[in-house]
Amino acid sequence: MKSLAQKLQRFLVSEDGPTAVEYAVMLALIVIVCLTAISSVGTNASTTFTNVAGSLSGAGGGGGS
C-alpha cells in the first residue's frame, strides 16, 4: 500500500503531464487563430475578386459605335 501511495505522490508531483496538457492547449489555440485568419483572408479575397470581375464586365461592354 505504501508503494502505491509513493507512486501516486510521484505522479502528482511530476510536471510531465501538465506540461503536455499546456502544449496541447497552446496548439489548439494556434490552430483556431490560423483557421480564423485564413477564413477572413479567403472572404476578403473572394469579395475583391468579385468586385474586380464586376468592374471588368461593366467596363468591357462598350459595343463599338
Protein backbone atom coordinates (compact mmCIF):
# COMPACT_ATOMS: atom_id res chain seq x y z
CA MET A 1 0.00 0.00 0.00
CA LYS A 2 2.90 2.34 0.76
CA SER A 3 4.31 1.73 -2.71
CA LEU A 4 1.02 2.77 -4.31
CA ALA A 5 0.97 5.96 -2.23
CA GLN A 6 4.53 6.77 -3.27
CA LYS A 7 3.73 6.21 -6.94
CA LEU A 8 0.65 8.42 -6.64
CA GLN A 9 2.69 11.15 -4.95
CA ARG A 10 5.37 10.99 -7.66
CA PHE A 11 2.68 11.20 -10.34
CA LEU A 12 1.12 14.27 -8.74
CA VAL A 13 4.47 16.00 -8.24
CA SER A 14 5.69 15.21 -11.77
CA GLU A 15 5.27 18.07 -14.22
CA ASP A 16 5.28 15.97 -17.39
CA GLY A 17 1.51 15.61 -17.51
CA PRO A 18 0.57 19.26 -17.01
CA THR A 19 3.26 20.36 -19.46
CA ALA A 20 1.82 18.11 -22.16
CA VAL A 21 -1.65 19.48 -21.48
CA GLU A 22 -0.37 23.05 -21.71
CA TYR A 23 1.27 22.31 -25.06
CA ALA A 24 -1.95 20.73 -26.34
CA VAL A 25 -3.97 23.78 -25.30
CA MET A 26 -1.46 26.14 -26.94
CA LEU A 27 -1.53 24.09 -30.14
CA ALA A 28 -5.33 24.14 -30.19
CA LEU A 29 -5.39 27.92 -29.75
CA ILE A 30 -2.81 28.41 -32.51
CA VAL A 31 -4.86 26.23 -34.87
CA ILE A 32 -8.03 28.20 -34.08
CA VAL A 33 -6.28 31.52 -34.73
CA CYS A 34 -4.82 30.24 -38.01
CA LEU A 35 -8.17 28.93 -39.23
CA THR A 36 -9.87 32.21 -38.35
CA ALA A 37 -7.21 34.23 -40.16
CA ILE A 38 -7.34 32.01 -43.25
CA SER A 39 -11.13 32.21 -43.33
CA SER A 40 -11.03 36.00 -43.06
CA VAL A 41 -8.40 36.35 -45.80
CA GLY A 42 -10.37 34.00 -48.04
CA THR A 43 -13.57 36.01 -47.59
CA ASN A 44 -11.75 39.28 -48.31
CA ALA A 45 -10.08 37.81 -51.41
CA SER A 46 -13.40 36.49 -52.68
CA THR A 47 -15.00 39.91 -52.25
CA THR A 48 -12.10 41.61 -54.01
CA PHE A 49 -12.22 39.20 -56.97
CA THR A 50 -15.99 39.66 -57.23
CA ASN A 51 -15.57 43.45 -57.30
CA VAL A 52 -12.83 43.25 -59.94
CA ALA A 53 -14.91 40.90 -62.09
CA GLY A 54 -17.88 43.28 -61.84
CA SER A 55 -15.74 46.24 -62.81
CA LEU A 56 -14.24 44.42 -65.79
CA SER A 57 -17.58 43.23 -67.10
CA GLY A 58 -19.06 46.73 -66.68
CA ALA A 59 -16.13 48.44 -68.40
CA GLY A 60 -15.87 45.99 -71.30
CA GLY A 61 -19.42 46.28 -72.62
CA GLY A 62 -18.84 49.29 -74.93
CA GLY A 63 -20.45 47.97 -78.11
CA GLY A 64 -18.45 49.74 -80.84
CA SER A 65 -20.43 52.63 -82.39
